């Protein structure tokens, strides 16, 4: 399954790095903890970083009901969402050809507020387990007061494309003989040793779903 290539999602630079494959795009969306949402309000541009989750073909966002971004989406307005994973610094022999290895997605869609109580509850589950798989079954779940204080929106992904760069630097032919180190410095995200809440009972052990992330 693929997204249709549109004027907004086609890649003008390095189209060979592009992909409209849903599986490729969704894998990138699901790997990242947050996204950047851009929108226009009163003819002024805004970009907001926020936690997200994907439910089928929809991006789920949540936050305070006073959020201008969520009000904008709830009104049915369109947004553009960008997601990027940095995989390495690409150091070439020439400054001009320095780059980065990355996996990125740009998508467009219009949203609506999630008002059905059962669906809204499920979105909390999706967002919680997107950030930390297994957390939903461990922590206290939201009560009615907390759910009522939170706005949730669902954005249907109408258009999307991925762009991916891998591999070593690409220099001009005449530069390969320069005595300059060239290559890739991989960027590997990892979790460090957990820091316990000082107010926590010391008898509470670190859960297994966190332990396995530290291996």
N, C-alpha and C. Protein backbone atom coordinates (compact mmCIF):
# COMPACT_ATOMS: atom_id res chain seq x y z
N UNK A 1 0.85 -1.19 0.00
CA UNK A 1 0.00 0.00 0.00
C UNK A 1 0.89 1.25 0.00
N UNK A 2 0.52 2.21 -0.85
CA UNK A 2 1.30 3.43 -0.95
C UNK A 2 0.39 4.65 -0.92
N UNK A 3 0.97 5.78 -0.45
CA UNK A 3 0.29 7.05 -0.56
C UNK A 3 0.48 7.58 -1.98
N UNK A 4 -0.51 8.28 -2.45
CA UNK A 4 -0.41 8.88 -3.78
C UNK A 4 0.61 10.02 -3.76
N UNK A 5 1.44 10.08 -4.78
CA UNK A 5 2.40 11.17 -4.90
C UNK A 5 1.66 12.43 -5.30
N UNK A 6 1.84 13.51 -4.56
CA UNK A 6 1.17 14.78 -4.85
C UNK A 6 2.21 15.87 -5.03
N UNK A 7 1.75 17.05 -5.43
CA UNK A 7 2.66 18.18 -5.60
C UNK A 7 3.34 18.56 -4.28
N UNK A 8 2.66 18.27 -3.17
CA UNK A 8 3.22 18.64 -1.87
C UNK A 8 4.17 17.57 -1.32
N UNK A 9 4.01 16.34 -1.73
CA UNK A 9 4.82 15.28 -1.15
C UNK A 9 5.91 14.76 -2.08
N UNK A 10 5.87 15.13 -3.35
CA UNK A 10 6.91 14.66 -4.25
C UNK A 10 8.25 15.29 -3.86
N UNK A 11 9.32 14.57 -4.09
CA UNK A 11 10.66 15.03 -3.72
C UNK A 11 11.34 15.64 -4.94
N UNK A 12 11.65 16.92 -4.85
CA UNK A 12 12.32 17.60 -5.96
C UNK A 12 13.84 17.38 -5.90
N UNK A 13 14.37 17.28 -4.69
CA UNK A 13 15.80 17.03 -4.51
C UNK A 13 15.98 15.57 -4.10
N UNK A 14 16.83 14.86 -4.83
CA UNK A 14 17.12 13.45 -4.56
C UNK A 14 15.83 12.61 -4.46
N UNK A 15 15.05 12.59 -5.51
CA UNK A 15 13.83 11.77 -5.48
C UNK A 15 14.12 10.29 -5.27
N UNK A 16 15.35 9.87 -5.55
CA UNK A 16 15.73 8.47 -5.34
C UNK A 16 15.72 8.09 -3.87
N UNK A 17 15.75 9.08 -2.98
CA UNK A 17 15.71 8.81 -1.54
C UNK A 17 14.29 8.77 -1.00
N UNK A 18 13.32 9.01 -1.85
CA UNK A 18 11.95 9.11 -1.39
C UNK A 18 11.22 7.78 -1.37
N UNK A 19 10.16 7.73 -0.59
CA UNK A 19 9.31 6.55 -0.52
C UNK A 19 7.89 7.00 -0.17
N UNK A 20 6.93 6.37 -0.81
CA UNK A 20 5.51 6.61 -0.50
C UNK A 20 4.87 5.35 0.08
N UNK A 21 5.70 4.38 0.40
CA UNK A 21 5.24 3.12 0.96
C UNK A 21 4.73 3.31 2.38
N UNK A 22 3.52 2.86 2.65
CA UNK A 22 2.92 3.07 3.97
C UNK A 22 3.71 2.37 5.07
N UNK A 23 4.17 1.16 4.81
CA UNK A 23 4.90 0.43 5.84
C UNK A 23 6.17 1.18 6.23
N UNK A 24 6.88 1.71 5.25
CA UNK A 24 8.10 2.48 5.52
C UNK A 24 7.79 3.74 6.31
N UNK A 25 6.75 4.45 5.89
CA UNK A 25 6.37 5.71 6.55
C UNK A 25 5.89 5.45 7.97
N UNK A 26 5.06 4.45 8.16
CA UNK A 26 4.50 4.17 9.48
C UNK A 26 5.58 3.68 10.45
N UNK A 27 6.57 2.97 9.95
CA UNK A 27 7.66 2.51 10.81
C UNK A 27 8.43 3.69 11.38
N UNK A 28 8.66 4.71 10.56
CA UNK A 28 9.36 5.92 11.04
C UNK A 28 8.49 6.66 12.05
N UNK A 29 7.21 6.82 11.74
CA UNK A 29 6.29 7.51 12.66
C UNK A 29 6.27 6.81 14.02
N UNK A 30 6.24 5.49 14.01
CA UNK A 30 6.11 4.73 15.25
C UNK A 30 7.39 4.69 16.07
N UNK A 31 8.53 4.92 15.44
CA UNK A 31 9.80 4.83 16.16
C UNK A 31 10.11 6.08 16.97
N UNK A 32 9.56 7.21 16.56
CA UNK A 32 9.90 8.50 17.17
C UNK A 32 8.92 8.83 18.29
N UNK A 33 9.44 9.47 19.35
CA UNK A 33 8.60 9.81 20.50
C UNK A 33 7.76 11.07 20.29
N UNK A 34 8.19 11.94 19.39
CA UNK A 34 7.47 13.20 19.23
C UNK A 34 7.54 13.65 17.78
N UNK A 35 6.70 14.60 17.45
CA UNK A 35 6.66 15.15 16.10
C UNK A 35 6.59 16.67 16.18
N UNK A 36 6.71 17.34 15.03
CA UNK A 36 6.54 18.79 14.95
C UNK A 36 5.32 19.07 14.08
N UNK A 37 4.38 19.79 14.65
CA UNK A 37 3.13 20.11 13.96
C UNK A 37 3.16 21.57 13.54
N UNK A 38 2.97 21.83 12.25
CA UNK A 38 2.95 23.20 11.75
C UNK A 38 1.56 23.56 11.24
N UNK A 39 1.18 24.81 11.49
CA UNK A 39 -0.15 25.27 11.09
C UNK A 39 -0.16 26.78 10.98
N UNK A 40 -1.16 27.30 10.29
CA UNK A 40 -1.35 28.74 10.16
C UNK A 40 -2.53 29.17 11.01
N UNK A 41 -2.33 30.26 11.75
CA UNK A 41 -3.43 30.83 12.52
C UNK A 41 -3.33 32.35 12.41
N UNK A 42 -4.41 32.96 11.96
CA UNK A 42 -4.41 34.41 11.72
C UNK A 42 -3.26 34.81 10.80
N UNK A 43 -3.03 33.98 9.79
CA UNK A 43 -1.97 34.21 8.79
C UNK A 43 -0.58 34.23 9.38
N UNK A 44 -0.42 33.63 10.54
CA UNK A 44 0.89 33.53 11.17
C UNK A 44 1.26 32.05 11.32
N UNK A 45 2.52 31.70 10.97
CA UNK A 45 2.94 30.30 11.06
C UNK A 45 3.37 29.91 12.47
N UNK A 46 3.04 28.69 12.85
CA UNK A 46 3.46 28.14 14.13
C UNK A 46 3.97 26.71 13.91
N UNK A 47 4.97 26.33 14.69
CA UNK A 47 5.45 24.95 14.71
C UNK A 47 5.54 24.52 16.17
N UNK A 48 4.84 23.44 16.52
CA UNK A 48 4.78 22.99 17.90
C UNK A 48 5.30 21.55 18.01
N UNK A 49 6.31 21.30 18.85
CA UNK A 49 6.72 19.91 19.11
C UNK A 49 5.76 19.28 20.12
N UNK A 50 5.37 18.04 19.88
CA UNK A 50 4.42 17.40 20.78
C UNK A 50 4.52 15.89 20.67
N UNK A 51 4.10 15.20 21.73
CA UNK A 51 4.03 13.74 21.73
C UNK A 51 2.91 13.31 20.80
N UNK A 52 3.12 12.19 20.14
CA UNK A 52 2.09 11.68 19.23
C UNK A 52 1.99 10.16 19.36
N UNK A 53 0.98 9.63 18.75
CA UNK A 53 0.86 8.18 18.55
C UNK A 53 0.13 7.97 17.24
N UNK A 54 0.28 6.80 16.66
CA UNK A 54 -0.46 6.46 15.44
C UNK A 54 -1.47 5.37 15.74
N UNK A 55 -2.69 5.58 15.28
CA UNK A 55 -3.72 4.56 15.35
C UNK A 55 -4.22 4.33 13.93
N UNK A 56 -3.80 3.22 13.33
CA UNK A 56 -4.12 2.92 11.93
C UNK A 56 -3.60 4.03 11.03
N UNK A 57 -4.49 4.72 10.31
CA UNK A 57 -4.08 5.77 9.38
C UNK A 57 -4.24 7.16 9.98
N UNK A 58 -4.21 7.25 11.30
CA UNK A 58 -4.44 8.53 11.97
C UNK A 58 -3.32 8.83 12.96
N UNK A 59 -2.97 10.13 13.05
CA UNK A 59 -2.05 10.61 14.07
C UNK A 59 -2.88 11.15 15.23
N UNK A 60 -2.55 10.73 16.44
CA UNK A 60 -3.27 11.15 17.64
C UNK A 60 -2.41 12.12 18.44
N UNK A 61 -3.00 13.26 18.81
CA UNK A 61 -2.33 14.25 19.65
C UNK A 61 -3.22 14.55 20.85
N UNK A 62 -2.62 14.95 21.96
CA UNK A 62 -3.42 15.34 23.11
C UNK A 62 -2.73 16.47 23.86
N UNK A 63 -3.49 17.15 24.70
CA UNK A 63 -2.94 18.26 25.46
C UNK A 63 -4.03 19.05 26.15
N UNK A 64 -3.66 20.21 26.64
CA UNK A 64 -4.62 21.07 27.35
C UNK A 64 -5.69 21.58 26.39
N UNK A 65 -6.90 21.70 26.89
CA UNK A 65 -8.00 22.17 26.05
C UNK A 65 -7.77 23.59 25.54
N UNK A 66 -6.93 24.35 26.24
CA UNK A 66 -6.66 25.73 25.82
C UNK A 66 -5.64 25.80 24.70
N UNK A 67 -5.05 24.69 24.32
CA UNK A 67 -4.01 24.68 23.28
C UNK A 67 -4.55 25.24 21.97
N UNK A 68 -3.87 26.25 21.42
CA UNK A 68 -4.30 26.83 20.15
C UNK A 68 -4.15 25.83 19.01
N UNK A 69 -3.11 24.98 19.11
CA UNK A 69 -2.91 23.96 18.09
C UNK A 69 -4.06 22.98 18.06
N UNK A 70 -4.47 22.49 19.23
CA UNK A 70 -5.55 21.51 19.28
C UNK A 70 -6.89 22.13 18.90
N UNK A 71 -7.09 23.40 19.24
CA UNK A 71 -8.31 24.10 18.81
C UNK A 71 -8.33 24.22 17.28
N UNK A 72 -7.17 24.52 16.71
CA UNK A 72 -7.05 24.65 15.26
C UNK A 72 -7.40 23.33 14.58
N UNK A 73 -6.89 22.24 15.10
CA UNK A 73 -7.15 20.93 14.51
C UNK A 73 -8.59 20.51 14.74
N UNK A 74 -9.11 20.77 15.93
CA UNK A 74 -10.50 20.40 16.24
C UNK A 74 -11.50 21.07 15.31
N UNK A 75 -11.12 22.24 14.80
CA UNK A 75 -12.00 22.97 13.89
C UNK A 75 -11.97 22.41 12.47
N UNK A 76 -11.18 21.35 12.26
CA UNK A 76 -11.12 20.72 10.94
C UNK A 76 -10.08 21.30 10.02
N UNK A 77 -9.21 22.17 10.55
CA UNK A 77 -8.18 22.78 9.71
C UNK A 77 -7.04 21.81 9.43
N UNK A 78 -6.34 22.08 8.35
CA UNK A 78 -5.25 21.21 7.92
C UNK A 78 -3.96 21.55 8.65
N UNK A 79 -3.13 20.53 8.85
CA UNK A 79 -1.81 20.71 9.44
C UNK A 79 -0.79 19.93 8.62
N UNK A 80 0.47 20.29 8.81
CA UNK A 80 1.59 19.54 8.25
C UNK A 80 2.42 19.04 9.42
N UNK A 81 2.78 17.77 9.41
CA UNK A 81 3.52 17.16 10.50
C UNK A 81 4.85 16.61 9.96
N UNK A 82 5.93 16.91 10.67
CA UNK A 82 7.26 16.43 10.27
C UNK A 82 7.85 15.58 11.38
N UNK A 83 8.50 14.49 10.98
CA UNK A 83 9.14 13.56 11.91
C UNK A 83 10.50 13.19 11.34
N UNK A 84 11.55 13.22 12.18
CA UNK A 84 12.90 12.93 11.69
C UNK A 84 13.66 12.07 12.69
N UNK A 85 14.36 11.08 12.17
CA UNK A 85 15.29 10.27 12.95
C UNK A 85 16.69 10.51 12.38
N UNK A 86 17.62 10.98 13.21
CA UNK A 86 18.99 11.20 12.77
C UNK A 86 19.80 9.93 13.03
N UNK A 87 20.42 9.40 11.98
CA UNK A 87 21.18 8.15 12.10
C UNK A 87 22.69 8.35 12.04
N UNK A 88 23.16 9.50 11.58
CA UNK A 88 24.60 9.69 11.54
C UNK A 88 25.00 11.01 10.91
N UNK A 89 26.20 11.49 11.29
CA UNK A 89 26.80 12.66 10.66
C UNK A 89 27.68 12.18 9.52
N UNK A 90 27.46 12.71 8.34
CA UNK A 90 28.22 12.30 7.16
C UNK A 90 29.28 13.37 6.90
N UNK A 91 30.54 13.02 7.14
CA UNK A 91 31.65 13.96 7.00
C UNK A 91 32.40 13.67 5.71
N UNK A 92 32.31 14.60 4.79
CA UNK A 92 32.95 14.43 3.49
C UNK A 92 34.33 15.07 3.48
N UNK A 93 35.02 14.92 2.38
CA UNK A 93 36.34 15.54 2.23
C UNK A 93 36.21 17.03 1.96
N UNK A 94 35.09 17.43 1.40
CA UNK A 94 34.82 18.84 1.16
C UNK A 94 33.67 19.29 2.05
N UNK A 95 33.72 20.53 2.47
CA UNK A 95 32.64 21.07 3.30
C UNK A 95 31.30 21.01 2.58
N UNK A 96 31.35 21.22 1.27
CA UNK A 96 30.11 21.28 0.48
C UNK A 96 29.32 19.99 0.56
N UNK A 97 29.99 18.85 0.65
CA UNK A 97 29.31 17.56 0.59
C UNK A 97 29.05 16.94 1.97
N UNK A 98 29.25 17.70 3.05
CA UNK A 98 28.86 17.20 4.36
C UNK A 98 27.33 17.02 4.39
N UNK A 99 26.89 16.01 5.10
CA UNK A 99 25.46 15.73 5.14
C UNK A 99 25.13 14.98 6.42
N UNK A 100 23.96 14.40 6.47
CA UNK A 100 23.52 13.54 7.57
C UNK A 100 22.78 12.35 7.00
N UNK A 101 22.89 11.21 7.68
CA UNK A 101 22.03 10.08 7.38
C UNK A 101 20.79 10.20 8.26
N UNK A 102 19.64 10.02 7.66
CA UNK A 102 18.40 10.28 8.38
C UNK A 102 17.26 9.48 7.76
N UNK A 103 16.18 9.40 8.52
CA UNK A 103 14.90 8.89 8.03
C UNK A 103 13.84 9.91 8.43
N UNK A 104 13.11 10.44 7.48
CA UNK A 104 12.15 11.50 7.79
C UNK A 104 10.83 11.26 7.08
N UNK A 105 9.79 11.85 7.66
CA UNK A 105 8.45 11.79 7.09
C UNK A 105 7.83 13.18 7.16
N UNK A 106 7.19 13.58 6.08
CA UNK A 106 6.36 14.78 6.07
C UNK A 106 4.96 14.35 5.64
N UNK A 107 3.96 14.73 6.42
CA UNK A 107 2.59 14.33 6.11
C UNK A 107 1.63 15.50 6.26
N UNK A 108 0.51 15.39 5.57
CA UNK A 108 -0.53 16.41 5.60
C UNK A 108 -1.86 15.74 5.94
N UNK A 109 -2.70 16.47 6.69
CA UNK A 109 -4.01 15.93 6.99
C UNK A 109 -4.84 16.92 7.78
N UNK A 110 -6.13 16.66 7.81
CA UNK A 110 -7.06 17.45 8.61
C UNK A 110 -7.56 16.59 9.76
N UNK A 111 -7.87 17.23 10.87
CA UNK A 111 -8.25 16.47 12.05
C UNK A 111 -9.61 16.83 12.61
N UNK A 112 -9.92 16.15 13.68
CA UNK A 112 -11.16 16.41 14.41
C UNK A 112 -10.94 16.04 15.87
N UNK A 113 -11.75 16.62 16.73
CA UNK A 113 -11.65 16.30 18.15
C UNK A 113 -12.26 14.93 18.42
N UNK A 114 -11.61 14.17 19.28
CA UNK A 114 -12.15 12.89 19.71
C UNK A 114 -13.02 13.14 20.94
N UNK A 115 -14.32 12.90 20.81
CA UNK A 115 -15.24 13.17 21.90
C UNK A 115 -15.86 11.91 22.49
N UNK A 116 -15.91 10.85 21.72
CA UNK A 116 -16.46 9.59 22.24
C UNK A 116 -15.58 9.09 23.39
N UNK A 117 -16.18 8.83 24.55
CA UNK A 117 -15.42 8.50 25.76
C UNK A 117 -14.59 7.24 25.59
N UNK A 118 -15.14 6.22 24.96
CA UNK A 118 -14.41 4.96 24.79
C UNK A 118 -13.24 5.12 23.83
N UNK A 119 -13.47 5.83 22.73
CA UNK A 119 -12.38 6.05 21.77
C UNK A 119 -11.30 6.92 22.40
N UNK A 120 -11.72 7.93 23.14
CA UNK A 120 -10.77 8.82 23.79
C UNK A 120 -9.91 8.05 24.79
N UNK A 121 -10.54 7.14 25.52
CA UNK A 121 -9.80 6.30 26.47
C UNK A 121 -8.75 5.47 25.74
N UNK A 122 -9.13 4.95 24.58
CA UNK A 122 -8.19 4.14 23.78
C UNK A 122 -7.02 4.96 23.26
N UNK A 123 -7.26 6.26 22.99
CA UNK A 123 -6.15 7.11 22.53
C UNK A 123 -5.13 7.33 23.65
N UNK A 124 -5.59 7.43 24.90
CA UNK A 124 -4.66 7.53 26.02
C UNK A 124 -3.79 6.28 26.09
N UNK A 125 -4.41 5.15 25.87
CA UNK A 125 -3.67 3.88 25.85
C UNK A 125 -2.60 3.90 24.76
N UNK A 126 -2.99 4.34 23.56
CA UNK A 126 -2.06 4.36 22.43
C UNK A 126 -0.89 5.30 22.68
N UNK A 127 -1.15 6.49 23.21
CA UNK A 127 -0.09 7.46 23.46
C UNK A 127 0.84 6.98 24.56
N UNK A 128 0.27 6.43 25.62
CA UNK A 128 1.09 5.94 26.74
C UNK A 128 2.02 4.82 26.30
N UNK A 129 1.49 3.86 25.58
CA UNK A 129 2.32 2.73 25.16
C UNK A 129 3.23 3.06 23.99
N UNK A 130 2.94 4.16 23.29
CA UNK A 130 3.89 4.62 22.27
C UNK A 130 5.16 5.13 22.92
N UNK A 131 5.00 5.87 24.01
CA UNK A 131 6.15 6.40 24.73
C UNK A 131 6.89 5.30 25.48
N UNK A 132 6.14 4.41 26.14
CA UNK A 132 6.76 3.34 26.92
C UNK A 132 5.89 2.10 26.87
N UNK A 133 6.17 1.18 25.96
CA UNK A 133 5.38 -0.04 25.86
C UNK A 133 5.33 -0.78 27.20
N UNK A 134 4.12 -1.14 27.61
CA UNK A 134 3.93 -1.83 28.88
C UNK A 134 3.53 -0.92 30.02
N UNK A 135 3.68 0.40 29.83
CA UNK A 135 3.40 1.34 30.92
C UNK A 135 1.91 1.40 31.27
N UNK A 136 1.07 1.26 30.25
CA UNK A 136 -0.38 1.37 30.47
C UNK A 136 -0.87 0.35 31.48
N UNK A 137 -0.32 -0.84 31.46
CA UNK A 137 -0.76 -1.90 32.37
C UNK A 137 -0.15 -1.78 33.76
N UNK A 138 0.75 -0.82 33.94
CA UNK A 138 1.46 -0.67 35.20
C UNK A 138 1.01 0.56 35.98
N UNK A 139 0.87 1.68 35.29
CA UNK A 139 0.54 2.94 35.96
C UNK A 139 -0.97 3.12 36.12
N UNK A 140 -1.36 4.07 36.97
CA UNK A 140 -2.78 4.38 37.13
C UNK A 140 -3.32 4.98 35.85
N UNK A 141 -4.50 4.57 35.47
CA UNK A 141 -5.10 5.07 34.23
C UNK A 141 -5.87 6.36 34.50
N UNK A 142 -6.10 7.16 33.47
CA UNK A 142 -6.76 8.47 33.68
C UNK A 142 -8.18 8.32 34.20
N UNK A 143 -8.52 9.19 35.13
CA UNK A 143 -9.90 9.19 35.62
C UNK A 143 -10.74 10.17 34.79
N UNK A 144 -12.02 10.24 35.08
CA UNK A 144 -12.92 11.07 34.28
C UNK A 144 -12.53 12.54 34.32
N UNK A 145 -12.12 13.03 35.50
CA UNK A 145 -11.74 14.43 35.62
C UNK A 145 -10.54 14.75 34.73
N UNK A 146 -9.56 13.84 34.71
CA UNK A 146 -8.36 14.05 33.91
C UNK A 146 -8.68 13.97 32.41
N UNK A 147 -9.57 13.04 32.05
CA UNK A 147 -9.95 12.93 30.65
C UNK A 147 -10.72 14.15 30.19
N UNK A 148 -11.59 14.67 31.06
CA UNK A 148 -12.37 15.86 30.70
C UNK A 148 -11.49 17.09 30.54
N UNK A 149 -10.35 17.10 31.25
CA UNK A 149 -9.46 18.27 31.19
C UNK A 149 -8.51 18.21 30.00
N UNK A 150 -8.55 17.10 29.27
CA UNK A 150 -7.60 16.89 28.17
C UNK A 150 -8.32 16.85 26.83
N UNK A 151 -7.79 17.57 25.86
CA UNK A 151 -8.31 17.53 24.50
C UNK A 151 -7.51 16.50 23.70
N UNK A 152 -8.21 15.71 22.90
CA UNK A 152 -7.57 14.72 22.03
C UNK A 152 -8.06 14.95 20.61
N UNK A 153 -7.14 14.95 19.65
CA UNK A 153 -7.52 15.10 18.25
C UNK A 153 -6.95 13.94 17.44
N UNK A 154 -7.66 13.61 16.38
CA UNK A 154 -7.24 12.57 15.46
C UNK A 154 -7.09 13.17 14.08
N UNK A 155 -5.92 12.99 13.48
CA UNK A 155 -5.61 13.59 12.18
C UNK A 155 -5.48 12.47 11.14
N UNK A 156 -6.37 12.46 10.17
CA UNK A 156 -6.29 11.47 9.11
C UNK A 156 -5.12 11.82 8.19
N UNK A 157 -4.23 10.85 7.97
CA UNK A 157 -3.08 11.07 7.10
C UNK A 157 -3.56 11.00 5.65
N UNK A 158 -3.66 12.15 5.01
CA UNK A 158 -4.14 12.21 3.63
C UNK A 158 -3.01 12.09 2.61
N UNK A 159 -1.89 12.75 2.90
CA UNK A 159 -0.73 12.73 2.01
C UNK A 159 0.52 12.53 2.86
N UNK A 160 1.46 11.74 2.36
CA UNK A 160 2.68 11.52 3.13
C UNK A 160 3.79 11.00 2.22
N UNK A 161 5.02 11.33 2.59
CA UNK A 161 6.18 10.77 1.92
C UNK A 161 7.32 10.67 2.92
N UNK A 162 8.20 9.72 2.68
CA UNK A 162 9.40 9.56 3.48
C UNK A 162 10.61 9.93 2.65
N UNK A 163 11.66 10.38 3.31
CA UNK A 163 12.94 10.62 2.65
C UNK A 163 14.03 10.04 3.53
N UNK A 164 14.89 9.23 2.92
CA UNK A 164 15.88 8.48 3.68
C UNK A 164 17.25 8.60 3.01
N UNK A 165 18.24 8.97 3.82
CA UNK A 165 19.63 8.96 3.31
C UNK A 165 20.44 7.96 4.11
N UNK A 166 21.19 7.12 3.43
CA UNK A 166 22.08 6.16 4.06
C UNK A 166 23.42 6.18 3.33
N UNK A 167 24.41 5.57 3.94
CA UNK A 167 25.68 5.38 3.26
C UNK A 167 26.73 6.44 3.51
N UNK A 168 27.89 6.28 2.87
CA UNK A 168 29.04 7.16 3.08
C UNK A 168 28.89 8.49 2.36
N UNK A 169 29.84 9.41 2.59
CA UNK A 169 29.81 10.67 1.86
C UNK A 169 30.05 10.46 0.37
N UNK A 170 29.58 11.40 -0.42
CA UNK A 170 29.79 11.38 -1.87
C UNK A 170 30.54 12.65 -2.23
N UNK A 171 31.80 12.50 -2.54
CA UNK A 171 32.65 13.65 -2.84
C UNK A 171 32.84 13.80 -4.35
N UNK A 172 33.35 14.95 -4.74
CA UNK A 172 33.79 15.12 -6.13
C UNK A 172 34.97 14.19 -6.40
N UNK A 173 35.07 13.72 -7.62
CA UNK A 173 36.11 12.75 -7.97
C UNK A 173 37.50 13.25 -7.62
N UNK A 174 37.75 14.53 -7.84
CA UNK A 174 39.09 15.07 -7.61
C UNK A 174 39.42 15.22 -6.13
N UNK A 175 38.41 15.09 -5.25
CA UNK A 175 38.64 15.27 -3.82
C UNK A 175 38.99 13.97 -3.09
N UNK A 176 38.82 12.84 -3.74
CA UNK A 176 39.05 11.57 -3.04
C UNK A 176 40.52 11.35 -2.67
N UNK A 177 41.42 12.07 -3.27
CA UNK A 177 42.84 11.94 -2.93
C UNK A 177 43.29 12.92 -1.85
N UNK A 178 42.37 13.76 -1.36
CA UNK A 178 42.74 14.72 -0.31
C UNK A 178 43.04 13.98 1.00
N UNK A 179 44.03 14.46 1.76
CA UNK A 179 44.40 13.80 3.03
C UNK A 179 43.46 14.23 4.16
N UNK A 180 42.17 14.01 3.98
CA UNK A 180 41.15 14.41 4.94
C UNK A 180 40.33 13.18 5.31
N UNK A 181 40.14 12.96 6.63
CA UNK A 181 39.32 11.82 7.05
C UNK A 181 37.88 12.05 6.60
N UNK A 182 37.27 11.02 6.07
CA UNK A 182 35.88 11.10 5.64
C UNK A 182 35.16 9.82 6.08
N UNK A 183 33.88 9.95 6.37
CA UNK A 183 33.11 8.79 6.79
C UNK A 183 31.85 9.21 7.51
N UNK A 184 31.28 8.28 8.27
CA UNK A 184 30.02 8.50 8.97
C UNK A 184 30.22 8.30 10.47
N UNK A 185 29.74 9.24 11.27
CA UNK A 185 29.69 9.08 12.72
C UNK A 185 28.26 8.68 13.08
N UNK A 186 28.03 7.40 13.38
CA UNK A 186 26.67 6.95 13.68
C UNK A 186 26.12 7.62 14.93
N UNK A 187 24.84 7.92 14.89
CA UNK A 187 24.11 8.45 16.05
C UNK A 187 23.21 7.33 16.54
N UNK A 188 23.50 6.83 17.74
CA UNK A 188 22.74 5.70 18.28
C UNK A 188 22.02 6.14 19.54
N UNK A 189 20.70 6.31 19.50
CA UNK A 189 19.96 6.70 20.71
C UNK A 189 19.95 5.57 21.72
N UNK A 190 20.11 5.92 22.97
CA UNK A 190 20.11 4.90 24.01
C UNK A 190 19.65 5.52 25.33
N UNK A 191 19.10 4.67 26.19
CA UNK A 191 18.67 5.11 27.51
C UNK A 191 19.81 4.94 28.50
N UNK A 192 19.93 5.89 29.41
CA UNK A 192 20.93 5.83 30.45
C UNK A 192 20.31 5.22 31.72
N UNK A 193 21.12 5.14 32.77
CA UNK A 193 20.65 4.54 34.02
C UNK A 193 19.46 5.34 34.58
N UNK A 194 18.36 4.66 34.91
CA UNK A 194 17.17 5.36 35.42
C UNK A 194 17.46 6.07 36.74
N UNK A 195 16.83 7.22 36.92
CA UNK A 195 16.94 8.00 38.15
C UNK A 195 15.60 7.91 38.88
N UNK A 196 15.61 7.30 40.04
CA UNK A 196 14.37 7.09 40.78
C UNK A 196 13.82 8.41 41.34
N UNK A 197 12.51 8.51 41.38
CA UNK A 197 11.86 9.63 42.05
C UNK A 197 12.25 9.57 43.53
N UNK A 198 12.79 10.67 44.09
CA UNK A 198 13.21 10.64 45.50
C UNK A 198 12.06 10.37 46.46
N UNK A 199 10.83 10.60 46.04
CA UNK A 199 9.69 10.35 46.91
C UNK A 199 9.14 8.93 46.76
N UNK A 200 9.79 8.11 45.94
CA UNK A 200 9.30 6.76 45.71
C UNK A 200 9.74 5.81 46.81
N UNK A 201 8.88 4.85 47.13
CA UNK A 201 9.21 3.79 48.07
C UNK A 201 10.37 2.98 47.49
N UNK A 202 11.42 2.82 48.27
CA UNK A 202 12.62 2.14 47.77
C UNK A 202 12.38 0.66 47.50
N UNK A 203 11.28 0.11 48.02
CA UNK A 203 10.98 -1.30 47.80
C UNK A 203 10.40 -1.57 46.41
N UNK A 204 10.02 -0.52 45.70
CA UNK A 204 9.45 -0.69 44.36
C UNK A 204 10.59 -0.89 43.37
N UNK A 205 10.54 -2.03 42.69
CA UNK A 205 11.62 -2.38 41.78
C UNK A 205 11.38 -1.82 40.38
N UNK A 206 12.46 -1.66 39.66
CA UNK A 206 12.39 -1.21 38.27
C UNK A 206 11.64 -2.25 37.45
N UNK A 207 10.60 -1.85 36.72
CA UNK A 207 9.82 -2.83 35.96
C UNK A 207 10.62 -3.45 34.81
N UNK A 208 10.22 -4.65 34.43
CA UNK A 208 10.94 -5.39 33.39
C UNK A 208 10.92 -4.67 32.05
N UNK A 209 9.81 -3.95 31.74
CA UNK A 209 9.74 -3.30 30.44
C UNK A 209 10.73 -2.14 30.32
N UNK A 210 11.21 -1.64 31.47
CA UNK A 210 12.28 -0.64 31.43
C UNK A 210 13.64 -1.33 31.41
N UNK A 211 13.77 -2.40 32.19
CA UNK A 211 15.05 -3.11 32.23
C UNK A 211 15.49 -3.56 30.85
N UNK A 212 14.56 -4.04 30.04
CA UNK A 212 14.94 -4.57 28.73
C UNK A 212 15.41 -3.47 27.78
N UNK A 213 15.05 -2.21 28.06
CA UNK A 213 15.52 -1.09 27.25
C UNK A 213 16.96 -0.72 27.56
N UNK A 214 17.46 -1.20 28.70
CA UNK A 214 18.81 -0.83 29.15
C UNK A 214 19.85 -1.83 28.71
N UNK A 215 19.44 -2.92 28.08
CA UNK A 215 20.38 -3.97 27.68
C UNK A 215 21.09 -3.57 26.38
